[in-house]
Amino acid sequence: CYIIGGKSLDGKDYLTEEQLNKCIQLAESVNKKPYVVPIGVICPLGNMVSAAVMAITLAGILEDYKVGRKIIRFSQETVEREIIMALQVMAAIIRTSGIYGLLKTINIELLIKNASIIHLTEDQEMLETALKKLKNIDPEIWEKVKKAKIHPTTLVDSQELVKELRTLIGGKAAEGAIERSMKKLFMG
């Protein structure tokens, strides 16, 4: 398959409709199926590790969303806010302190207890699997967790921060900061 970047998620155009169509035709001419996706999701979808993380995470999100909306009857906004909070907190801690730092920060016993509370139906396979995996983390990992350092981490909603930058700083300074941050996300 060929992954082709269409429009970016922030509305910027990086290629014309004609260029996009040429890319699609090129992929099809060599008997490849082209997938046109927003530019920002090419890397996570095209990389095996991040695609697996996205697949596992998305399956868990969809399962949790169903339980939150249909069984507990939380509002869509509440469920989405809780999902965003969990993902952004974990992402921020991994960014500053790595996976072992995340495990050191989180009290796994507390996480398992609280996550078990929402185990309300028989068909919550993702949650069941996650709880089982968390209860059986390899002892070698815990040895590395003991040595991990937790670095200062500022927990923010990244999209709200972008809005604030554009509002408070504005212009090329804000766009430059956003672009450098974007490069850091995708290129390390």
N, C-alpha and C. Protein backbone atom coordinates (compact mmCIF):
# COMPACT_ATOMS: atom_id res chain seq x y z
N CYS A 1 0.84 -1.18 0.00
CA CYS A 1 0.00 0.00 0.00
C CYS A 1 0.88 1.25 0.00
N TYR A 2 0.33 2.32 -0.43
CA TYR A 2 1.00 3.61 -0.44
C TYR A 2 0.17 4.57 0.41
N ILE A 3 0.82 5.24 1.34
CA ILE A 3 0.13 6.24 2.15
C ILE A 3 0.49 7.60 1.56
N ILE A 4 -0.55 8.34 1.23
CA ILE A 4 -0.36 9.65 0.59
C ILE A 4 -0.98 10.72 1.49
N GLY A 5 -0.24 11.78 1.72
CA GLY A 5 -0.74 12.87 2.55
C GLY A 5 -1.66 13.79 1.77
N GLY A 6 -2.86 13.93 2.27
CA GLY A 6 -3.81 14.88 1.70
C GLY A 6 -3.66 16.21 2.41
N LYS A 7 -4.76 16.80 2.78
CA LYS A 7 -4.71 18.07 3.52
C LYS A 7 -4.15 17.81 4.92
N SER A 8 -3.57 18.84 5.50
CA SER A 8 -3.10 18.70 6.88
C SER A 8 -4.28 18.93 7.82
N LEU A 9 -4.15 18.46 9.03
CA LEU A 9 -5.22 18.63 10.02
C LEU A 9 -5.41 20.08 10.44
N ASP A 10 -4.38 20.89 10.25
CA ASP A 10 -4.51 22.31 10.62
C ASP A 10 -4.94 23.18 9.44
N GLY A 11 -5.32 22.53 8.33
CA GLY A 11 -5.89 23.26 7.19
C GLY A 11 -4.90 23.71 6.14
N LYS A 12 -3.60 23.48 6.36
CA LYS A 12 -2.61 23.91 5.38
C LYS A 12 -2.60 22.94 4.20
N ASP A 13 -2.44 23.50 3.01
CA ASP A 13 -2.31 22.68 1.81
C ASP A 13 -0.83 22.56 1.46
N TYR A 14 -0.38 21.32 1.29
CA TYR A 14 1.01 21.09 0.93
C TYR A 14 1.14 20.61 -0.52
N LEU A 15 0.00 20.24 -1.13
CA LEU A 15 0.00 19.88 -2.53
C LEU A 15 -1.36 20.20 -3.13
N THR A 16 -1.33 20.39 -4.43
CA THR A 16 -2.58 20.73 -5.12
C THR A 16 -3.39 19.47 -5.37
N GLU A 17 -4.62 19.65 -5.74
CA GLU A 17 -5.49 18.51 -6.08
C GLU A 17 -4.89 17.73 -7.25
N GLU A 18 -4.29 18.45 -8.19
CA GLU A 18 -3.66 17.80 -9.35
C GLU A 18 -2.47 16.94 -8.91
N GLN A 19 -1.63 17.47 -8.00
CA GLN A 19 -0.49 16.71 -7.49
C GLN A 19 -0.96 15.47 -6.73
N LEU A 20 -2.01 15.63 -5.93
CA LEU A 20 -2.57 14.51 -5.18
C LEU A 20 -3.05 13.42 -6.14
N ASN A 21 -3.77 13.83 -7.17
CA ASN A 21 -4.27 12.86 -8.14
C ASN A 21 -3.14 12.14 -8.86
N LYS A 22 -2.03 12.84 -9.16
CA LYS A 22 -0.87 12.21 -9.80
C LYS A 22 -0.25 11.16 -8.87
N CYS A 23 -0.18 11.46 -7.58
CA CYS A 23 0.35 10.50 -6.61
C CYS A 23 -0.53 9.26 -6.56
N ILE A 24 -1.84 9.47 -6.56
CA ILE A 24 -2.78 8.34 -6.53
C ILE A 24 -2.61 7.49 -7.79
N GLN A 25 -2.54 8.15 -8.94
CA GLN A 25 -2.37 7.43 -10.21
C GLN A 25 -1.05 6.66 -10.24
N LEU A 26 0.00 7.26 -9.72
CA LEU A 26 1.30 6.59 -9.68
C LEU A 26 1.22 5.31 -8.85
N ALA A 27 0.63 5.41 -7.66
CA ALA A 27 0.50 4.23 -6.81
C ALA A 27 -0.32 3.14 -7.52
N GLU A 28 -1.41 3.54 -8.12
CA GLU A 28 -2.27 2.57 -8.82
C GLU A 28 -1.58 1.97 -10.04
N SER A 29 -0.70 2.74 -10.68
CA SER A 29 0.00 2.24 -11.88
C SER A 29 0.97 1.10 -11.56
N VAL A 30 1.38 1.00 -10.31
CA VAL A 30 2.26 -0.10 -9.89
C VAL A 30 1.49 -1.10 -9.02
N ASN A 31 0.18 -1.11 -9.21
CA ASN A 31 -0.73 -2.04 -8.53
C ASN A 31 -0.67 -1.95 -7.00
N LYS A 32 -0.53 -0.76 -6.49
CA LYS A 32 -0.57 -0.52 -5.05
C LYS A 32 -1.85 0.24 -4.72
N LYS A 33 -2.42 -0.07 -3.57
CA LYS A 33 -3.61 0.64 -3.14
C LYS A 33 -3.18 1.92 -2.41
N PRO A 34 -3.60 3.08 -2.93
CA PRO A 34 -3.24 4.33 -2.24
C PRO A 34 -4.24 4.63 -1.12
N TYR A 35 -3.72 5.05 0.01
CA TYR A 35 -4.54 5.51 1.13
C TYR A 35 -4.24 6.99 1.31
N VAL A 36 -5.23 7.82 1.11
CA VAL A 36 -5.06 9.26 1.29
C VAL A 36 -5.55 9.61 2.69
N VAL A 37 -4.63 10.12 3.49
CA VAL A 37 -4.94 10.48 4.88
C VAL A 37 -4.38 11.87 5.15
N PRO A 38 -4.87 12.55 6.18
CA PRO A 38 -4.28 13.85 6.54
C PRO A 38 -2.79 13.70 6.81
N ILE A 39 -2.02 14.69 6.41
CA ILE A 39 -0.56 14.62 6.51
C ILE A 39 -0.08 14.24 7.91
N GLY A 40 -0.69 14.78 8.95
CA GLY A 40 -0.24 14.53 10.31
C GLY A 40 -0.37 13.09 10.79
N VAL A 41 -1.15 12.28 10.11
CA VAL A 41 -1.30 10.89 10.56
C VAL A 41 -0.52 9.90 9.70
N ILE A 42 0.23 10.39 8.71
CA ILE A 42 1.03 9.48 7.88
C ILE A 42 2.04 8.71 8.72
N CYS A 43 2.83 9.42 9.52
CA CYS A 43 3.88 8.74 10.32
C CYS A 43 3.31 7.71 11.28
N PRO A 44 2.32 8.08 12.12
CA PRO A 44 1.82 7.07 13.05
C PRO A 44 1.11 5.90 12.36
N LEU A 45 0.50 6.12 11.21
CA LEU A 45 -0.14 5.01 10.50
C LEU A 45 0.86 4.18 9.70
N GLY A 46 1.92 4.82 9.23
CA GLY A 46 2.89 4.13 8.38
C GLY A 46 3.98 3.41 9.13
N ASN A 47 4.16 3.70 10.41
CA ASN A 47 5.19 3.07 11.21
C ASN A 47 4.57 1.91 11.98
N MET A 48 5.18 0.73 11.90
CA MET A 48 4.58 -0.46 12.52
C MET A 48 4.35 -0.31 14.02
N VAL A 49 5.32 0.24 14.73
CA VAL A 49 5.19 0.35 16.19
C VAL A 49 4.06 1.32 16.55
N SER A 50 4.09 2.51 15.96
CA SER A 50 3.04 3.48 16.31
C SER A 50 1.68 3.03 15.79
N ALA A 51 1.64 2.33 14.66
CA ALA A 51 0.35 1.82 14.17
C ALA A 51 -0.22 0.78 15.14
N ALA A 52 0.64 -0.07 15.69
CA ALA A 52 0.17 -1.06 16.67
C ALA A 52 -0.33 -0.36 17.94
N VAL A 53 0.41 0.65 18.40
CA VAL A 53 -0.02 1.40 19.58
C VAL A 53 -1.36 2.08 19.31
N MET A 54 -1.49 2.67 18.12
CA MET A 54 -2.75 3.33 17.78
C MET A 54 -3.90 2.33 17.71
N ALA A 55 -3.65 1.15 17.14
CA ALA A 55 -4.71 0.13 17.02
C ALA A 55 -5.17 -0.33 18.39
N ILE A 56 -4.23 -0.64 19.26
CA ILE A 56 -4.57 -1.10 20.61
C ILE A 56 -5.29 0.00 21.37
N THR A 57 -4.76 1.21 21.29
CA THR A 57 -5.36 2.34 22.00
C THR A 57 -6.75 2.65 21.48
N LEU A 58 -6.90 2.68 20.16
CA LEU A 58 -8.20 2.99 19.57
C LEU A 58 -9.24 1.93 19.95
N ALA A 59 -8.85 0.67 19.94
CA ALA A 59 -9.79 -0.39 20.33
C ALA A 59 -10.23 -0.19 21.78
N GLY A 60 -9.29 0.15 22.66
CA GLY A 60 -9.62 0.42 24.05
C GLY A 60 -10.50 1.64 24.21
N ILE A 61 -10.20 2.68 23.44
CA ILE A 61 -11.01 3.91 23.48
C ILE A 61 -12.44 3.60 23.07
N LEU A 62 -12.60 2.87 21.97
CA LEU A 62 -13.95 2.55 21.49
C LEU A 62 -14.72 1.71 22.49
N GLU A 63 -14.04 0.77 23.13
CA GLU A 63 -14.68 -0.06 24.16
C GLU A 63 -15.10 0.80 25.35
N ASP A 64 -14.19 1.65 25.81
CA ASP A 64 -14.47 2.52 26.95
C ASP A 64 -15.57 3.54 26.60
N TYR A 65 -15.54 4.06 25.39
CA TYR A 65 -16.55 5.01 24.94
C TYR A 65 -17.94 4.38 24.99
N LYS A 66 -18.04 3.15 24.52
CA LYS A 66 -19.32 2.43 24.51
C LYS A 66 -19.85 2.26 25.94
N VAL A 67 -18.98 1.83 26.84
CA VAL A 67 -19.40 1.64 28.23
C VAL A 67 -19.77 2.98 28.86
N GLY A 68 -18.93 3.98 28.64
CA GLY A 68 -19.19 5.31 29.21
C GLY A 68 -20.50 5.92 28.74
N ARG A 69 -20.79 5.77 27.47
CA ARG A 69 -22.00 6.38 26.89
C ARG A 69 -23.25 5.54 27.11
N LYS A 70 -23.17 4.24 26.84
CA LYS A 70 -24.38 3.41 26.85
C LYS A 70 -24.73 2.81 28.21
N ILE A 71 -23.73 2.50 29.02
CA ILE A 71 -24.01 1.85 30.30
C ILE A 71 -24.02 2.87 31.43
N ILE A 72 -22.96 3.63 31.55
CA ILE A 72 -22.88 4.63 32.63
C ILE A 72 -23.69 5.88 32.26
N ARG A 73 -23.85 6.12 30.98
CA ARG A 73 -24.62 7.25 30.44
C ARG A 73 -23.98 8.61 30.71
N PHE A 74 -22.64 8.63 30.62
CA PHE A 74 -21.93 9.91 30.66
C PHE A 74 -22.18 10.62 29.34
N SER A 75 -22.03 11.93 29.35
CA SER A 75 -22.16 12.70 28.11
C SER A 75 -20.96 12.39 27.21
N GLN A 76 -21.13 12.61 25.94
CA GLN A 76 -20.03 12.42 24.99
C GLN A 76 -18.85 13.30 25.39
N GLU A 77 -19.13 14.54 25.77
CA GLU A 77 -18.09 15.48 26.17
C GLU A 77 -17.29 14.95 27.36
N THR A 78 -17.98 14.39 28.34
CA THR A 78 -17.30 13.85 29.53
C THR A 78 -16.40 12.69 29.17
N VAL A 79 -16.91 11.76 28.38
CA VAL A 79 -16.12 10.59 28.00
C VAL A 79 -14.89 11.03 27.19
N GLU A 80 -15.09 11.91 26.23
CA GLU A 80 -13.98 12.38 25.41
C GLU A 80 -12.95 13.13 26.24
N ARG A 81 -13.39 13.94 27.19
CA ARG A 81 -12.46 14.68 28.06
C ARG A 81 -11.61 13.70 28.88
N GLU A 82 -12.23 12.65 29.41
CA GLU A 82 -11.48 11.66 30.19
C GLU A 82 -10.45 10.93 29.32
N ILE A 83 -10.84 10.61 28.10
CA ILE A 83 -9.92 9.94 27.17
C ILE A 83 -8.75 10.85 26.84
N ILE A 84 -9.04 12.11 26.51
CA ILE A 84 -7.99 13.08 26.19
C ILE A 84 -7.04 13.24 27.37
N MET A 85 -7.60 13.36 28.57
CA MET A 85 -6.76 13.54 29.75
C MET A 85 -5.80 12.36 29.92
N ALA A 86 -6.31 11.14 29.82
CA ALA A 86 -5.46 9.97 29.99
C ALA A 86 -4.35 9.92 28.94
N LEU A 87 -4.71 10.15 27.69
CA LEU A 87 -3.73 10.08 26.61
C LEU A 87 -2.68 11.18 26.72
N GLN A 88 -3.11 12.41 27.01
CA GLN A 88 -2.16 13.52 27.07
C GLN A 88 -1.24 13.41 28.28
N VAL A 89 -1.77 12.95 29.41
CA VAL A 89 -0.92 12.79 30.60
C VAL A 89 0.13 11.72 30.34
N MET A 90 -0.29 10.58 29.80
CA MET A 90 0.69 9.53 29.51
C MET A 90 1.71 10.00 28.48
N ALA A 91 1.25 10.66 27.42
CA ALA A 91 2.17 11.14 26.38
C ALA A 91 3.19 12.12 26.96
N ALA A 92 2.74 13.02 27.80
CA ALA A 92 3.65 14.01 28.38
C ALA A 92 4.69 13.35 29.27
N ILE A 93 4.27 12.40 30.09
CA ILE A 93 5.23 11.73 30.99
C ILE A 93 6.21 10.89 30.18
N ILE A 94 5.73 10.21 29.16
CA ILE A 94 6.64 9.43 28.31
C ILE A 94 7.64 10.37 27.64
N ARG A 95 7.18 11.54 27.19
CA ARG A 95 8.07 12.51 26.52
C ARG A 95 9.20 12.94 27.46
N THR A 96 8.87 13.20 28.72
CA THR A 96 9.90 13.72 29.63
C THR A 96 10.67 12.64 30.38
N SER A 97 10.02 11.52 30.66
CA SER A 97 10.63 10.53 31.55
C SER A 97 10.67 9.11 30.99
N GLY A 98 10.15 8.91 29.79
CA GLY A 98 10.18 7.59 29.17
C GLY A 98 9.14 6.64 29.74
N ILE A 99 9.10 5.45 29.18
CA ILE A 99 8.14 4.43 29.60
C ILE A 99 8.37 4.04 31.06
N TYR A 100 9.63 3.86 31.43
CA TYR A 100 9.92 3.47 32.82
C TYR A 100 9.55 4.58 33.80
N GLY A 101 9.75 5.82 33.38
CA GLY A 101 9.32 6.96 34.20
C GLY A 101 7.81 6.99 34.35
N LEU A 102 7.09 6.65 33.27
CA LEU A 102 5.63 6.59 33.34
C LEU A 102 5.20 5.54 34.36
N LEU A 103 5.81 4.36 34.28
CA LEU A 103 5.46 3.29 35.23
C LEU A 103 5.81 3.68 36.67
N LYS A 104 6.90 4.42 36.83
CA LYS A 104 7.28 4.87 38.17
C LYS A 104 6.29 5.92 38.70
N THR A 105 5.79 6.74 37.81
CA THR A 105 4.85 7.80 38.20
C THR A 105 3.49 7.24 38.57
N ILE A 106 3.04 6.27 37.79
CA ILE A 106 1.71 5.70 38.00
C ILE A 106 1.77 4.62 39.07
N ASN A 107 0.83 4.64 39.95
CA ASN A 107 0.69 3.56 40.93
C ASN A 107 -0.14 2.48 40.24
N ILE A 108 0.54 1.42 39.78
CA ILE A 108 -0.13 0.37 39.00
C ILE A 108 -1.25 -0.29 39.78
N GLU A 109 -1.04 -0.51 41.07
CA GLU A 109 -2.10 -1.13 41.88
C GLU A 109 -3.36 -0.27 41.88
N LEU A 110 -3.18 1.03 42.06
CA LEU A 110 -4.31 1.97 42.04
C LEU A 110 -4.97 2.00 40.66
N LEU A 111 -4.14 2.03 39.62
CA LEU A 111 -4.67 2.02 38.25
C LEU A 111 -5.52 0.78 38.01
N ILE A 112 -5.03 -0.37 38.40
CA ILE A 112 -5.78 -1.63 38.22
C ILE A 112 -7.09 -1.59 39.00
N LYS A 113 -7.03 -1.14 40.24
CA LYS A 113 -8.26 -1.07 41.06
C LYS A 113 -9.31 -0.16 40.43
N ASN A 114 -8.88 1.04 40.02
CA ASN A 114 -9.84 1.99 39.46
C ASN A 114 -10.34 1.56 38.09
N ALA A 115 -9.47 1.00 37.28
CA ALA A 115 -9.89 0.52 35.96
C ALA A 115 -10.83 -0.68 36.09
N SER A 116 -10.64 -1.48 37.12
CA SER A 116 -11.51 -2.64 37.34
C SER A 116 -12.94 -2.23 37.67
N ILE A 117 -13.11 -1.07 38.25
CA ILE A 117 -14.44 -0.59 38.62
C ILE A 117 -15.34 -0.46 37.39
N ILE A 118 -14.75 -0.07 36.27
CA ILE A 118 -15.55 0.13 35.05
C ILE A 118 -15.73 -1.16 34.25
N HIS A 119 -15.22 -2.26 34.77
CA HIS A 119 -15.41 -3.56 34.10
C HIS A 119 -16.83 -4.03 34.41
N LEU A 120 -17.77 -3.60 33.55
CA LEU A 120 -19.19 -3.78 33.82
C LEU A 120 -19.89 -4.79 32.92
N THR A 121 -19.24 -5.17 31.81
CA THR A 121 -19.89 -6.10 30.89
C THR A 121 -18.94 -7.24 30.53
N GLU A 122 -19.50 -8.29 30.01
CA GLU A 122 -18.72 -9.46 29.62
C GLU A 122 -17.88 -9.21 28.36
N ASP A 123 -18.28 -8.25 27.55
CA ASP A 123 -17.59 -8.05 26.28
C ASP A 123 -16.51 -6.96 26.30
N GLN A 124 -15.98 -6.66 27.47
CA GLN A 124 -14.90 -5.68 27.57
C GLN A 124 -13.55 -6.39 27.47
N GLU A 125 -13.29 -6.95 26.31
CA GLU A 125 -12.09 -7.74 26.09
C GLU A 125 -10.81 -6.92 26.22
N MET A 126 -10.83 -5.70 25.71
CA MET A 126 -9.64 -4.85 25.79
C MET A 126 -9.27 -4.56 27.24
N LEU A 127 -10.28 -4.22 28.04
CA LEU A 127 -10.02 -3.93 29.45
C LEU A 127 -9.53 -5.18 30.17
N GLU A 128 -10.16 -6.31 29.91
CA GLU A 128 -9.74 -7.57 30.55
C GLU A 128 -8.28 -7.87 30.21
N THR A 129 -7.93 -7.73 28.95
CA THR A 129 -6.56 -7.99 28.51
C THR A 129 -5.60 -7.00 29.16
N ALA A 130 -5.97 -5.73 29.19
CA ALA A 130 -5.11 -4.71 29.79
C ALA A 130 -4.87 -4.98 31.27
N LEU A 131 -5.94 -5.32 32.00
CA LEU A 131 -5.78 -5.60 33.43
C LEU A 131 -4.88 -6.81 33.65
N LYS A 132 -5.06 -7.82 32.84
CA LYS A 132 -4.22 -9.03 32.95
C LYS A 132 -2.76 -8.68 32.69
N LYS A 133 -2.50 -7.91 31.64
CA LYS A 133 -1.12 -7.51 31.31
C LYS A 133 -0.51 -6.67 32.43
N LEU A 134 -1.29 -5.73 32.98
CA LEU A 134 -0.77 -4.86 34.02
C LEU A 134 -0.49 -5.62 35.32
N LYS A 135 -1.25 -6.67 35.58
CA LYS A 135 -1.01 -7.49 36.77
C LYS A 135 0.22 -8.36 36.63
N ASN A 136 0.68 -8.56 35.40
CA ASN A 136 1.79 -9.47 35.14
C ASN A 136 2.96 -8.80 34.42
N ILE A 137 3.28 -7.60 34.80
CA ILE A 137 4.42 -6.91 34.19
C ILE A 137 5.70 -7.64 34.57
N ASP A 138 6.55 -7.83 33.58
CA ASP A 138 7.81 -8.55 33.74
C ASP A 138 8.66 -7.94 34.86
N PRO A 139 9.18 -8.78 35.77
CA PRO A 139 10.03 -8.27 36.86
C PRO A 139 11.25 -7.48 36.37
N GLU A 140 11.78 -7.84 35.19
CA GLU A 140 12.91 -7.10 34.63
C GLU A 140 12.53 -5.64 34.37
N ILE A 141 11.29 -5.44 33.95
CA ILE A 141 10.82 -4.07 33.72
C ILE A 141 10.79 -3.31 35.03
N TRP A 142 10.31 -3.95 36.11
CA TRP A 142 10.25 -3.27 37.40
C TRP A 142 11.63 -2.89 37.91
N GLU A 143 12.65 -3.68 37.56
CA GLU A 143 14.03 -3.33 37.95
C GLU A 143 14.45 -2.03 37.26
N LYS A 144 14.07 -1.89 36.01
CA LYS A 144 14.39 -0.66 35.27
C LYS A 144 13.57 0.52 35.78
N VAL A 145 12.34 0.24 36.19
CA VAL A 145 11.47 1.30 36.72
C VAL A 145 12.08 1.87 38.00
N LYS A 146 12.64 1.01 38.85
CA LYS A 146 13.26 1.48 40.10
C LYS A 146 14.36 2.51 39.83
N LYS A 147 15.09 2.33 38.73
CA LYS A 147 16.21 3.22 38.40
C LYS A 147 15.77 4.46 37.60
N ALA A 148 14.54 4.45 37.16
CA ALA A 148 14.05 5.54 36.30
C ALA A 148 13.99 6.86 37.07
N LYS A 149 14.21 7.93 36.34
CA LYS A 149 14.09 9.27 36.90
C LYS A 149 12.82 9.91 36.34
N ILE A 150 12.11 10.57 37.22
CA ILE A 150 10.92 11.30 36.79
C ILE A 150 11.33 12.76 36.64
N HIS A 151 11.25 13.25 35.43
CA HIS A 151 11.66 14.62 35.13
C HIS A 151 10.46 15.56 35.19
N PRO A 152 10.72 16.85 35.40
CA PRO A 152 9.60 17.80 35.43
C PRO A 152 8.75 17.69 34.16
N THR A 153 7.47 17.65 34.35
CA THR A 153 6.52 17.49 33.24
C THR A 153 5.38 18.46 33.44
N THR A 154 5.13 19.28 32.44
CA THR A 154 4.01 20.21 32.49
C THR A 154 2.85 19.58 31.73
N LEU A 155 1.76 19.34 32.44
CA LEU A 155 0.60 18.69 31.84
C LEU A 155 -0.36 19.74 31.31
N VAL A 156 -0.51 19.76 29.98
CA VAL A 156 -1.40 20.72 29.34
C VAL A 156 -2.19 20.02 28.23
N ASP A 157 -3.28 20.66 27.86
CA ASP A 157 -4.03 20.23 26.69
C ASP A 157 -3.33 20.87 25.50
N SER A 158 -2.71 20.06 24.65
CA SER A 158 -1.88 20.60 23.58
C SER A 158 -2.66 21.49 22.61
N GLN A 159 -3.89 21.16 22.31
CA GLN A 159 -4.67 21.99 21.38
C GLN A 159 -5.05 23.32 22.02
N GLU A 160 -5.33 23.33 23.30
CA GLU A 160 -5.62 24.59 24.00
C GLU A 160 -4.36 25.45 24.07
N LEU A 161 -3.22 24.81 24.26
CA LEU A 161 -1.96 25.55 24.29
C LEU A 161 -1.69 26.22 22.94
N VAL A 162 -1.96 25.51 21.86
CA VAL A 162 -1.81 26.10 20.51
C VAL A 162 -2.70 27.33 20.36
N LYS A 163 -3.95 27.21 20.80
CA LYS A 163 -4.87 28.36 20.73
C LYS A 163 -4.34 29.54 21.53
N GLU A 164 -3.84 29.25 22.74
CA GLU A 164 -3.29 30.31 23.59
C GLU A 164 -2.08 30.97 22.95
N LEU A 165 -1.19 30.16 22.35
CA LEU A 165 -0.02 30.74 21.68
C LEU A 165 -0.45 31.68 20.56
N ARG A 166 -1.41 31.23 19.77
CA ARG A 166 -1.88 32.07 18.66
C ARG A 166 -2.55 33.34 19.16
N THR A 167 -3.26 33.24 20.29
CA THR A 167 -3.96 34.40 20.84
C THR A 167 -2.99 35.37 21.51
N LEU A 168 -2.11 34.85 22.36
CA LEU A 168 -1.22 35.71 23.15
C LEU A 168 -0.02 36.22 22.38
N ILE A 169 0.61 35.35 21.60
CA ILE A 169 1.82 35.74 20.87
C ILE A 169 1.47 36.16 19.45
N GLY A 170 0.72 35.30 18.78
CA GLY A 170 0.27 35.58 17.42
C GLY A 170 1.37 35.61 16.40
N GLY A 171 0.97 35.73 15.17
CA GLY A 171 1.88 35.93 14.05
C GLY A 171 2.92 34.85 13.86
N LYS A 172 4.04 35.29 13.29
CA LYS A 172 5.11 34.36 12.93
C LYS A 172 5.77 33.74 14.16
N ALA A 173 5.81 34.45 15.27
CA ALA A 173 6.43 33.89 16.48
C ALA A 173 5.66 32.66 16.95
N ALA A 174 4.34 32.77 17.01
CA ALA A 174 3.52 31.64 17.43
C ALA A 174 3.62 30.50 16.43
N GLU A 175 3.51 30.82 15.14
CA GLU A 175 3.57 29.78 14.11
C GLU A 175 4.92 29.09 14.10
N GLY A 176 5.99 29.85 14.35
CA GLY A 176 7.33 29.26 14.42
C GLY A 176 7.46 28.30 15.59
N ALA A 177 6.94 28.70 16.75
CA ALA A 177 6.98 27.82 17.93
C ALA A 177 6.16 26.56 17.68
N ILE A 178 5.01 26.71 17.07
CA ILE A 178 4.14 25.56 16.77
C ILE A 178 4.84 24.64 15.77
N GLU A 179 5.45 25.21 14.75
CA GLU A 179 6.14 24.39 13.74
C GLU A 179 7.32 23.62 14.34
N ARG A 180 8.11 24.28 15.20
CA ARG A 180 9.24 23.60 15.86
C ARG A 180 8.74 22.47 16.75
N SER A 181 7.64 22.71 17.44
CA SER A 181 7.05 21.68 18.29
C SER A 181 6.54 20.51 17.46
N MET A 182 5.95 20.81 16.31
CA MET A 182 5.45 19.78 15.41
C MET A 182 6.61 18.91 14.90
N LYS A 183 7.71 19.56 14.53
CA LYS A 183 8.89 18.82 14.06
C LYS A 183 9.42 17.90 15.16
N LYS A 184 9.41 18.39 16.39
CA LYS A 184 9.87 17.59 17.52
C LYS A 184 9.00 16.35 17.69
N LEU A 185 7.69 16.52 17.49
CA LEU A 185 6.76 15.39 17.61
C LEU A 185 7.05 14.33 16.55
N PHE A 186 7.25 14.74 15.32
CA PHE A 186 7.39 13.78 14.23
C PHE A 186 8.82 13.35 13.93
N MET A 187 9.79 14.19 14.30
CA MET A 187 11.17 13.86 13.95
C MET A 187 12.08 13.66 15.16
N GLY A 188 11.53 13.85 16.35
CA GLY A 188 12.31 13.62 17.56
C GLY A 188 13.20 14.74 17.97
